[in-house]
Protein backbone atom coordinates (compact mmCIF):
# COMPACT_ATOMS: atom_id res chain seq x y z
CA UNK A 1 8.98 -35.25 -29.50
CA UNK A 2 11.27 -32.56 -28.16
CA UNK A 3 9.43 -29.87 -30.14
CA UNK A 4 6.05 -30.85 -28.67
CA UNK A 5 7.42 -30.61 -25.13
CA UNK A 6 8.73 -27.11 -25.83
CA UNK A 7 5.37 -26.17 -27.35
CA UNK A 8 3.53 -27.51 -24.29
CA UNK A 9 5.83 -25.48 -22.03
CA UNK A 10 5.08 -22.31 -24.02
CA UNK A 11 1.33 -22.97 -23.89
CA UNK A 12 1.52 -23.70 -20.17
CA UNK A 13 3.49 -20.49 -19.54
CA UNK A 14 1.01 -18.47 -21.60
CA UNK A 15 -1.98 -19.86 -19.69
CA UNK A 16 -0.18 -19.32 -16.40
CA UNK A 17 0.60 -15.70 -17.27
CA UNK A 18 -3.04 -15.08 -18.25
CA UNK A 19 -4.39 -16.54 -15.00
CA UNK A 20 -1.82 -14.91 -12.71
CA UNK A 21 -3.38 -12.47 -10.25
CA UNK A 22 -1.88 -9.05 -10.67
CA UNK A 23 -1.55 -7.40 -7.28
CA UNK A 24 -1.21 -3.63 -7.00
CA UNK A 25 1.70 -3.77 -4.55
CA UNK A 26 2.27 -0.03 -4.27
CA UNK A 27 -1.44 0.72 -3.74
CA UNK A 28 -1.68 -2.04 -1.11
CA UNK A 29 1.37 -0.67 0.70
CA UNK A 30 -0.04 2.87 0.68
CA UNK A 31 -3.43 1.68 2.00
CA UNK A 32 -1.76 -0.38 4.76
CA UNK A 33 0.44 2.57 5.72
CA UNK A 34 -2.46 5.04 5.81
CA UNK A 35 -4.84 2.81 7.78
CA UNK A 36 -2.15 1.61 10.21
CA UNK A 37 -0.96 5.18 10.65
CA UNK A 38 -4.52 6.39 11.23
CA UNK A 39 -5.03 3.76 13.93
CA UNK A 40 -1.81 4.88 15.62
CA UNK A 41 -2.83 8.54 15.25
CA UNK A 42 -6.18 7.83 16.93
CA UNK A 43 -4.38 5.97 19.73
CA UNK A 44 -2.02 8.92 20.19
CA UNK A 45 -5.02 11.27 20.34
CA UNK A 46 -6.62 9.12 23.03
CA UNK A 47 -3.33 9.12 24.96
CA UNK A 48 -3.12 12.93 24.76
CA UNK A 49 -6.74 13.17 25.88
CA UNK A 50 -6.09 11.12 29.00
CA UNK A 51 -2.68 12.62 29.77
CA UNK A 52 -2.89 16.29 28.83
CA UNK A 53 -6.59 17.17 28.91
CA UNK A 54 -7.88 14.98 31.74
CA UNK A 55 -4.54 15.04 33.60
CA UNK A 56 -3.98 11.35 34.28
CA UNK A 57 -0.38 10.16 34.85
CA UNK A 58 1.50 8.94 31.78
CA UNK A 59 1.65 5.26 32.83
CA UNK A 60 -2.05 5.12 33.65
CA UNK A 61 -2.92 7.06 30.48
CA UNK A 62 -1.04 4.53 28.37
CA UNK A 63 -2.87 1.63 30.02
CA UNK A 64 -6.23 3.36 29.55
CA UNK A 65 -5.45 4.06 25.89
CA UNK A 66 -4.70 0.36 25.32
CA UNK A 67 -7.97 -0.59 27.01
CA UNK A 68 -9.95 1.83 24.83
CA UNK A 69 -8.26 0.73 21.58
CA UNK A 70 -8.69 -2.99 22.35
CA UNK A 71 -12.30 -2.45 23.46
CA UNK A 72 -13.27 -0.39 20.42
CA UNK A 73 -11.63 -2.94 18.12
CA UNK A 74 -13.51 -5.79 19.81
CA UNK A 75 -16.80 -3.92 19.35
CA UNK A 76 -16.03 -3.09 15.71
CA UNK A 77 -15.08 -6.74 15.10
CA UNK A 78 -18.35 -7.91 16.65
CA UNK A 79 -20.29 -5.54 14.39
CA UNK A 80 -18.36 -6.70 11.31
CA UNK A 81 -16.91 -3.24 10.65
CA UNK A 82 -13.30 -4.07 11.50
CA UNK A 83 -13.29 -6.94 9.00
CA UNK A 84 -14.18 -4.51 6.21
CA UNK A 85 -11.42 -2.15 7.36
CA UNK A 86 -8.99 -5.10 7.33
CA UNK A 87 -10.08 -6.18 3.86
CA UNK A 88 -9.50 -2.67 2.55
CA UNK A 89 -6.15 -2.05 4.24
CA UNK A 90 -4.62 -5.52 4.18
CA UNK A 91 -1.71 -5.59 6.62
CA UNK A 92 -2.50 -2.11 7.96
CA UNK A 93 -4.60 -3.48 10.82
CA UNK A 94 -2.37 -6.40 11.75
CA UNK A 95 0.60 -4.63 13.31
CA UNK A 96 -1.06 -2.34 15.88
CA UNK A 97 -2.63 -3.84 18.99
CA UNK A 98 -5.92 -3.79 17.09
CA UNK A 99 -4.83 -6.90 15.17
CA UNK A 100 -4.39 -8.77 18.44
CA UNK A 101 -7.82 -7.69 19.67
CA UNK A 102 -9.42 -8.58 16.34
CA UNK A 103 -7.89 -12.07 16.29
CA UNK A 104 -9.09 -12.85 19.81
CA UNK A 105 -12.58 -11.45 19.26
CA UNK A 106 -13.01 -13.22 15.91
CA UNK A 107 -11.98 -16.55 17.41
CA UNK A 108 -14.37 -16.04 20.33
CA UNK A 109 -17.28 -15.18 18.02
CA UNK A 110 -16.63 -18.14 15.74
CA UNK A 111 -16.58 -20.65 18.59
CA UNK A 112 -19.42 -19.32 20.78
CA UNK A 113 -21.75 -22.12 19.61
CA UNK A 114 -19.46 -24.67 21.28
CA UNK A 115 -20.03 -23.21 24.75
CA UNK A 116 -18.10 -20.88 27.01
CA UNK A 117 -15.34 -23.18 28.28
CA UNK A 118 -14.75 -25.58 25.38
CA UNK A 119 -15.69 -23.04 22.73
CA UNK A 120 -14.84 -19.46 23.52
CA UNK A 121 -12.15 -19.87 26.17
CA UNK A 122 -10.26 -22.67 24.48
CA UNK A 123 -10.33 -21.11 21.00
CA UNK A 124 -9.63 -17.45 21.80
CA UNK A 125 -5.88 -17.94 21.83
CA UNK A 126 -5.57 -20.12 18.73
CA UNK A 127 -4.57 -17.18 16.54
CA UNK A 128 -3.25 -14.84 19.22
CA UNK A 129 -1.37 -17.52 21.16
CA UNK A 130 1.46 -17.63 18.65
CA UNK A 131 1.90 -13.87 18.98
CA UNK A 132 2.03 -14.11 22.77
CA UNK A 133 4.55 -16.97 22.68
CA UNK A 134 6.72 -15.13 20.14
CA UNK A 135 6.65 -12.00 22.31
CA UNK A 136 7.55 -13.84 25.50
CA UNK A 137 10.34 -15.86 23.86
CA UNK A 138 11.83 -12.76 22.17
CA UNK A 139 11.67 -10.79 25.41
CA UNK A 140 13.42 -13.64 27.23
CA UNK A 141 16.15 -13.99 24.59
CA UNK A 142 16.81 -10.24 24.36
CA UNK A 143 16.66 -9.85 28.13
CA UNK A 144 19.17 -12.68 28.56
CA UNK A 145 21.52 -11.18 25.96
CA UNK A 146 21.35 -7.75 27.61
CA UNK A 147 21.91 -9.29 31.05
CA UNK A 148 24.92 -11.33 29.90
CA UNK A 149 26.68 -8.59 27.94
CA UNK A 150 26.10 -5.64 30.22
């Protein structure tokens, strides 16, 4: 009886090892780094364009750069291009502001059949809402700590 249980465990382990998905962790990390870095490099180029070439103030240039990056990401998401970039790079598109734009645009596109108010407007923040809440709560906690210990 005991021998058959051990044999079943070995067979189960063998089948499990054969079916296990082997993920190329190093390759995935390199792709995420390169794509995320490229997005940030493009954003920096846009910032330099506004600030140094056109001559807009730094604060306004930063705001304009965010608008351009979010807008381009929304357009690329609508065309289905950003999804392919995300599939290739994995986490490389999540961290920059492009991930936020992509999550809002994707949710809006998926729920457009339900109408503007109950569909698009109510579903846009389903994915991005958690990010906003986490940002606000962290800013409050850190701000409170800095205020109390200064």
